[in-house]
C-alpha atoms as a PDB file:
ATOM      1  CA  MET A   1      81.670 109.996 152.992  1.00  0.00           C
ATOM      2  CA  LYS A   2      82.078 107.358 150.307  1.00  0.00           C
ATOM      3  CA  ASN A   3      84.110 109.717 148.131  1.00  0.00           C
ATOM      4  CA  ASN A   4      86.395 110.520 151.081  1.00  0.00           C
ATOM      5  CA  LYS A   5      87.039 106.807 151.607  1.00  0.00           C
ATOM      6  CA  ILE A   6      87.865 106.345 147.926  1.00  0.00           C
ATOM      7  CA  LYS A   7      90.254 109.319 147.982  1.00  0.00           C
ATOM      8  CA  TYR A   8      91.880 108.006 151.170  1.00  0.00           C
ATOM      9  CA  ALA A   9      92.317 104.552 149.632  1.00  0.00           C
ATOM     10  CA  GLN A  10      93.793 106.060 146.486  1.00  0.00           C
ATOM     11  CA  SER A  11      96.127 108.188 148.574  1.00  0.00           C
ATOM     12  CA  ARG A  12      97.323 105.144 150.549  1.00  0.00           C
ATOM     13  CA  LEU A  13      97.773 103.163 147.319  1.00  0.00           C
ATOM     14  CA  ARG A  14      99.792 105.989 145.765  1.00  0.00           C
ATOM     15  CA  LYS A  15     101.904 106.241 148.905  1.00  0.00           C
ATOM     16  CA  ASN A  16     102.518 102.492 148.929  1.00  0.00           C
ATOM     17  CA  ILE A  17     103.486 102.546 145.243  1.00  0.00           C
ATOM     18  CA  LEU A  18     105.933 105.403 145.832  1.00  0.00           C
ATOM     19  CA  THR A  19     107.396 103.620 148.848  1.00  0.00           C
ATOM     20  CA  LEU A  20     107.779 100.385 146.884  1.00  0.00           C
ATOM     21  CA  SER A  21     109.333 102.247 143.935  1.00  0.00           C
ATOM     22  CA  ALA A  22     111.823 103.955 146.230  1.00  0.00           C
ATOM     23  CA  PHE A  23     112.705 100.614 147.837  1.00  0.00           C
ATOM     24  CA  LEU A  24     113.216  98.944 144.444  1.00  0.00           C
ATOM     25  CA  LEU A  25     115.339 101.848 143.232  1.00  0.00           C
ATOM     26  CA  LEU A  26     117.497 101.723 146.371  1.00  0.00           C
ATOM     27  CA  SER A  27     117.876  97.950 146.027  1.00  0.00           C
ATOM     28  CA  ALA A  28     118.924  98.349 142.400  1.00  0.00           C
ATOM     29  CA  ILE A  29     121.521 100.976 143.363  1.00  0.00           C
ATOM     30  CA  VAL A  30     122.949  98.731 146.111  1.00  0.00           C
ATOM     31  CA  TRP A  31     123.062  95.745 143.746  1.00  0.00           C
ATOM     32  CA  PHE A  32     124.773  97.774 141.020  1.00  0.00           C
ATOM     33  CA  ASP A  33     127.322  99.139 143.471  1.00  0.00           C
ATOM     34  CA  ARG A  34     128.169  95.714 144.864  1.00  0.00           C
ATOM     35  CA  THR A  35     128.268  94.086 141.430  1.00  0.00           C
ATOM     36  CA  PHE A  36     130.069  96.624 139.280  1.00  0.00           C
ATOM     37  CA  HIS A  37     131.825  99.008 141.647  1.00  0.00           C
ATOM     38  CA  PRO A  38     134.760  96.673 142.432  1.00  0.00           C
ATOM     39  CA  PHE A  39     135.231  96.092 138.697  1.00  0.00           C
ATOM     40  CA  LEU A  40     135.031  99.778 137.869  1.00  0.00           C
ATOM     41  CA  LYS A  41     137.346 100.628 140.746  1.00  0.00           C
ATOM     42  CA  THR A  42     139.838  97.968 139.669  1.00  0.00           C
ATOM     43  CA  SER A  43     139.683  99.069 136.033  1.00  0.00           C
ATOM     44  CA  VAL A  44     140.288 102.700 136.906  1.00  0.00           C
ATOM     45  CA  SER A  45     143.041 101.764 139.360  1.00  0.00           C
ATOM     46  CA  THR A  46     144.735  99.516 136.772  1.00  0.00           C
ATOM     47  CA  SER A  47     144.550 102.231 134.149  1.00  0.00           C
ATOM     48  CA  ILE A  48     146.066 104.783 136.524  1.00  0.00           C
ATOM     49  CA  THR A  49     148.836 102.346 137.498  1.00  0.00           C
ATOM     50  CA  GLN A  50     149.685 101.628 133.866  1.00  0.00           C
ATOM     51  CA  ASP A  51     149.806 105.313 132.992  1.00  0.00           C
ATOM     52  CA  SER A  52     151.948 106.151 136.023  1.00  0.00           C
ATOM     53  CA  ASP A  53     154.367 103.296 135.219  1.00  0.00           C
ATOM     54  CA  TRP A  54     154.834 104.610 131.694  1.00  0.00           C
ATOM     55  CA  ASP A  55     155.389 108.154 132.945  1.00  0.00           C
ATOM     56  CA  LYS A  56     157.752 106.988 135.675  1.00  0.00           C
ATOM     57  CA  TYR A  57     159.902 104.468 133.808  1.00  0.00           C
ATOM     58  CA  ASN A  58     159.570 104.419 130.022  1.00  0.00           C
ATOM     59  CA  GLU A  59     162.615 105.785 128.172  1.00  0.00           C
ATOM     60  CA  LYS A  60     164.086 106.970 131.478  1.00  0.00           C
ATOM     61  CA  THR A  61     167.670 106.279 132.557  1.00  0.00           C
ATOM     62  CA  PHE A  62     168.485 104.422 135.769  1.00  0.00           C
ATOM     63  CA  THR A  63     171.361 102.473 137.324  1.00  0.00           C
ATOM     64  CA  VAL A  64     171.251  98.700 137.760  1.00  0.00           C
ATOM     65  CA  VAL A  65     171.933  98.120 141.460  1.00  0.00           C
ATOM     66  CA  LYS A  66     171.331  94.367 141.604  1.00  0.00           C
ATOM     67  CA  VAL A  67     171.144  91.360 139.310  1.00  0.00           C
ATOM     68  CA  VAL A  68     168.765  88.843 140.864  1.00  0.00           C
ATOM     69  CA  ASP A  69     169.343  86.306 138.109  1.00  0.00           C
ATOM     70  CA  GLY A  70     169.801  86.326 134.355  1.00  0.00           C
ATOM     71  CA  ASP A  71     166.438  87.846 133.496  1.00  0.00           C
ATOM     72  CA  THR A  72     165.664  89.882 136.630  1.00  0.00           C
ATOM     73  CA  ILE A  73     167.335  93.103 137.762  1.00  0.00           C
ATOM     74  CA  ASP A  74     166.777  95.954 140.216  1.00  0.00           C
ATOM     75  CA  ILE A  75     167.132  99.621 139.295  1.00  0.00           C
ATOM     76  CA  ASN A  76     167.681 102.584 141.608  1.00  0.00           C
ATOM     77  CA  ILE A  77     164.203 104.073 141.877  1.00  0.00           C
ATOM     78  CA  PRO A  78     161.673 103.359 144.646  1.00  0.00           C
ATOM     79  CA  ASP A  79     158.622 101.267 143.814  1.00  0.00           C
ATOM     80  CA  GLY A  80     155.891 101.568 146.439  1.00  0.00           C
ATOM     81  CA  ASN A  81     157.364 100.369 149.736  1.00  0.00           C
ATOM     82  CA  TYR A  82     160.487  99.020 148.050  1.00  0.00           C
ATOM     83  CA  ALA A  83     163.717 101.002 147.827  1.00  0.00           C
ATOM     84  CA  ASN A  84     164.337  99.806 144.260  1.00  0.00           C
ATOM     85  CA  THR A  85     162.240  98.726 141.282  1.00  0.00           C
ATOM     86  CA  ARG A  86     162.467  95.098 140.172  1.00  0.00           C
ATOM     87  CA  ILE A  87     162.371  94.476 136.421  1.00  0.00           C
ATOM     88  CA  ARG A  88     161.639  91.192 134.685  1.00  0.00           C
ATOM     89  CA  LEU A  89     163.272  91.324 131.257  1.00  0.00           C
ATOM     90  CA  LEU A  90     160.533  91.052 128.662  1.00  0.00           C
ATOM     91  CA  GLY A  91     160.561  88.284 126.069  1.00  0.00           C
ATOM     92  CA  VAL A  92     163.354  86.191 127.580  1.00  0.00           C
ATOM     93  CA  ASP A  93     163.573  83.348 130.062  1.00  0.00           C
ATOM     94  CA  THR A  94     166.946  82.458 131.546  1.00  0.00           C
ATOM     95  CA  PRO A  95     167.569  79.198 133.443  1.00  0.00           C
ATOM     96  CA  GLU A  96     167.026  79.375 137.205  1.00  0.00           C
ATOM     97  CA  THR A  97     169.913  79.769 139.646  1.00  0.00           C
ATOM     98  CA  ASP A  98     170.352  78.167 143.062  1.00  0.00           C
ATOM     99  CA  LYS A  99     168.538  81.210 144.535  1.00  0.00           C
ATOM    100  CA  SER A 100     165.294  80.019 142.995  1.00  0.00           C
ATOM    101  CA  PRO A 101     162.828  77.870 144.998  1.00  0.00           C
ATOM    102  CA  LYS A 102     162.728  75.635 141.914  1.00  0.00           C
ATOM    103  CA  GLY A 103     166.432  74.945 142.242  1.00  0.00           C
ATOM    104  CA  ALA A 104     169.338  75.592 139.909  1.00  0.00           C
ATOM    105  CA  MET A 105     169.018  74.736 136.216  1.00  0.00           C
ATOM    106  CA  TYR A 106     171.616  74.070 133.572  1.00  0.00           C
ATOM    107  CA  PHE A 107     173.369  77.313 132.570  1.00  0.00           C
ATOM    108  CA  GLY A 108     171.528  79.389 135.196  1.00  0.00           C
ATOM    109  CA  LYS A 109     174.755  80.519 136.865  1.00  0.00           C
ATOM    110  CA  GLU A 110     176.327  81.477 133.538  1.00  0.00           C
ATOM    111  CA  ALA A 111     173.246  83.477 132.500  1.00  0.00           C
ATOM    112  CA  SER A 112     173.246  85.371 135.795  1.00  0.00           C
ATOM    113  CA  GLU A 113     176.956  86.096 135.471  1.00  0.00           C
ATOM    114  CA  PHE A 114     176.409  87.391 131.933  1.00  0.00           C
ATOM    115  CA  SER A 115     173.784  89.892 133.100  1.00  0.00           C
ATOM    116  CA  SER A 116     175.966  90.944 136.022  1.00  0.00           C
ATOM    117  CA  LYS A 117     178.995  91.492 133.809  1.00  0.00           C
ATOM    118  CA  THR A 118     176.943  93.355 131.202  1.00  0.00           C
ATOM    119  CA  ALA A 119     174.614  95.522 133.273  1.00  0.00           C
ATOM    120  CA  LEU A 120     175.418  95.632 137.001  1.00  0.00           C
ATOM    121  CA  GLY A 121     176.392  99.138 138.070  1.00  0.00           C
ATOM    122  CA  GLN A 122     175.673 100.459 134.585  1.00  0.00           C
ATOM    123  CA  LYS A 123     173.256 103.149 133.484  1.00  0.00           C
ATOM    124  CA  VAL A 124     170.443 101.717 131.379  1.00  0.00           C
ATOM    125  CA  VAL A 125     167.303 102.947 129.662  1.00  0.00           C
ATOM    126  CA  VAL A 126     164.007 101.208 130.439  1.00  0.00           C
ATOM    127  CA  LEU A 127     161.903 100.507 127.359  1.00  0.00           C
ATOM    128  CA  MET A 128     158.353  99.420 128.069  1.00  0.00           C
ATOM    129  CA  ASP A 129     156.261  97.729 125.391  1.00  0.00           C
ATOM    130  CA  LYS A 130     152.775  98.675 124.170  1.00  0.00           C
ATOM    131  CA  LEU A 131     151.937  95.047 123.372  1.00  0.00           C
ATOM    132  CA  SER A 132     152.761  93.895 126.894  1.00  0.00           C
ATOM    133  CA  LYS A 133     151.246  94.464 130.284  1.00  0.00           C
ATOM    134  CA  PRO A 134     153.399  96.825 132.359  1.00  0.00           C
ATOM    135  CA  ARG A 135     153.673  94.338 135.234  1.00  0.00           C
ATOM    136  CA  ASP A 136     153.711  90.577 135.702  1.00  0.00           C
ATOM    137  CA  LYS A 137     151.788  88.606 138.333  1.00  0.00           C
ATOM    138  CA  TYR A 138     154.563  89.243 140.846  1.00  0.00           C
ATOM    139  CA  HIS A 139     154.235  92.999 140.241  1.00  0.00           C
ATOM    140  CA  ARG A 140     157.636  93.200 138.584  1.00  0.00           C
ATOM    141  CA  LEU A 141     157.981  95.790 135.836  1.00  0.00           C
ATOM    142  CA  LEU A 142     158.207  94.234 132.362  1.00  0.00           C
ATOM    143  CA  ALA A 143     160.640  95.898 129.968  1.00  0.00           C
ATOM    144  CA  HIS A 144     163.426  95.725 127.431  1.00  0.00           C
ATOM    145  CA  ILE A 145     166.678  97.160 128.786  1.00  0.00           C
ATOM    146  CA  LYS A 146     168.857  99.377 126.614  1.00  0.00           C
ATOM    147  CA  LEU A 147     172.523  99.424 127.592  1.00  0.00           C
ATOM    148  CA  ALA A 148     174.777 102.492 127.440  1.00  0.00           C
ATOM    149  CA  ASP A 149     176.304 101.345 124.137  1.00  0.00           C
ATOM    150  CA  GLY A 150     172.876 100.945 122.524  1.00  0.00           C
ATOM    151  CA  ARG A 151     172.598  97.170 122.767  1.00  0.00           C
ATOM    152  CA  ILE A 152     169.470  95.599 124.265  1.00  0.00           C
ATOM    153  CA  LEU A 153     170.213  93.297 127.192  1.00  0.00           C
ATOM    154  CA  ASN A 154     167.258  91.048 126.351  1.00  0.00           C
ATOM    155  CA  LYS A 155     168.628  90.479 122.841  1.00  0.00           C
ATOM    156  CA  GLU A 156     172.176  89.963 124.079  1.00  0.00           C
ATOM    157  CA  LEU A 157     171.067  87.221 126.436  1.00  0.00           C
ATOM    158  CA  ILE A 158     169.356  85.328 123.614  1.00  0.00           C
ATOM    159  CA  SER A 159     172.105  85.948 121.039  1.00  0.00           C
ATOM    160  CA  ASN A 160     174.767  84.604 123.399  1.00  0.00           C
ATOM    161  CA  GLY A 161     172.794  81.512 124.302  1.00  0.00           C
ATOM    162  CA  CYS A 162     172.074  82.624 127.860  1.00  0.00           C
ATOM    163  CA  ALA A 163     168.287  82.750 127.509  1.00  0.00           C
ATOM    164  CA  TYR A 164     165.356  81.213 125.702  1.00  0.00           C
ATOM    165  CA  ALA A 165     163.091  83.434 123.605  1.00  0.00           C
ATOM    166  CA  ASP A 166     159.933  83.452 125.722  1.00  0.00           C
ATOM    167  CA  THR A 167     156.961  83.012 123.401  1.00  0.00           C
ATOM    168  CA  ARG A 168     154.301  82.782 126.121  1.00  0.00           C
ATOM    169  CA  PHE A 169     153.507  86.486 126.245  1.00  0.00           C
ATOM    170  CA  PRO A 170     153.130  89.132 123.495  1.00  0.00           C
ATOM    171  CA  HIS A 171     155.632  91.911 122.893  1.00  0.00           C
ATOM    172  CA  SER A 172     156.849  93.950 119.933  1.00  0.00           C
ATOM    173  CA  TYR A 173     160.041  91.953 119.273  1.00  0.00           C
ATOM    174  CA  LEU A 174     158.662  88.432 119.603  1.00  0.00           C
ATOM    175  CA  GLU A 175     159.585  87.326 116.063  1.00  0.00           C
ATOM    176  CA  LYS A 176     162.992  88.985 116.305  1.00  0.00           C
ATOM    177  CA  TYR A 177     163.786  87.241 119.586  1.00  0.00           C
ATOM    178  CA  VAL A 178     162.687  83.881 118.171  1.00  0.00           C
ATOM    179  CA  GLN A 179     164.998  84.393 115.189  1.00  0.00           C
ATOM    180  CA  LEU A 180     167.886  85.332 117.471  1.00  0.00           C
ATOM    181  CA  GLU A 181     167.363  82.099 119.388  1.00  0.00           C
ATOM    182  CA  LYS A 182     167.354  80.059 116.181  1.00  0.00           C
ATOM    183  CA  THR A 183     170.696  81.583 115.207  1.00  0.00           C
ATOM    184  CA  ALA A 184     172.225  80.999 118.660  1.00  0.00           C
ATOM    185  CA  ARG A 185     170.988  77.424 118.599  1.00  0.00           C
ATOM    186  CA  LYS A 186     172.408  76.824 115.135  1.00  0.00           C
ATOM    187  CA  GLU A 187     175.769  78.218 116.204  1.00  0.00           C
ATOM    188  CA  LYS A 188     175.642  76.297 119.507  1.00  0.00           C
ATOM    189  CA  LYS A 189     176.112  79.455 121.547  1.00  0.00           C
ATOM    190  CA  GLY A 190     176.031  79.221 125.341  1.00  0.00           C
ATOM    191  CA  LEU A 191     173.530  76.713 126.663  1.00  0.00           C
ATOM    192  CA  TRP A 192     172.791  75.407 123.168  1.00  0.00           C
ATOM    193  CA  GLU A 193     176.137  73.613 123.059  1.00  0.00           C
ATOM    194  CA  LYS A 194     175.107  70.905 125.513  1.00  0.00           C
ATOM    195  CA  VAL A 195     171.574  71.480 126.842  1.00  0.00           C
ATOM    196  CA  THR A 196     169.246  68.480 126.792  1.00  0.00           C
ATOM    197  CA  PRO A 197     165.426  68.610 126.610  1.00  0.00           C
ATOM    198  CA  ASP A 198     165.044  67.550 130.247  1.00  0.00           C
ATOM    199  CA  GLN A 199     167.215  70.512 131.314  1.00  0.00           C
ATOM    200  CA  MET A 200     164.940  73.054 129.629  1.00  0.00           C
ATOM    201  CA  PRO A 201     162.139  74.937 131.421  1.00  0.00           C
ATOM    202  CA  ASN A 202     158.823  73.109 131.570  1.00  0.00           C
ATOM    203  CA  TRP A 203     157.125  75.480 129.132  1.00  0.00           C
ATOM    204  CA  ARG A 204     159.741  74.578 126.484  1.00  0.00           C
ATOM    205  CA  LYS A 205     159.552  70.805 126.862  1.00  0.00           C
END
C-alpha cells in the first residue's frame, strides 16, 4: 500500500511538472509573439515594400503629370489608392510656395515655375538611390529625376539657384550637389542674388 501511495504521489508530481512546463512554454510563446512579431512583421513588410518600389520605379520611364512645387512632382503610375505616384526630389530643398501650410518663401514661386517649365508633361526616368530610403515620412518616393535630354532635374534646380543642396539625408550625389550649390552661390544664380538668412529654410539657418 505504501509503495502505491509513493507511485501515485510521483505520478501526480510528474503530471504537475509537465503541466507547469507546458504553461511556461505557452507563456513564453505568447510573450515572444507579442514582443517580436510586430517588429518581424514590420521588417518583412518594409523589405518587401522597398524591393517592390525598386522593381516598379527604378530606371523606368514615366510622364510628369503635375508639379506640386519645385521639389515635388507626380508621375503617371498608380501608387496604392492614389492615381499617380508623388516623388520628392532627393537631395534638394526648394523654397515653399503659397500652397504650403508654412506659407510662401522667397523664390518659391520661381522654383516651382522652373520645375514646371523643365519637366511638366515630359517623359522622365526615375533614378532611386541605394544610400537613401525609398520613401520619406510622408510616403513620397525619393528619387533623382533624369530628363529626356539626359540632365538631372535635381542638379538643374541647384545649378540654377532654385534649390538648396539638402544635406540632412544621405544619397550618392551629396558632395556633388553641395559643390553645385557653392558654384551657384558664387555666381549669384537664382535665389542667391538676393536671399537673406532669415528667408532661408530653418534647417539652413
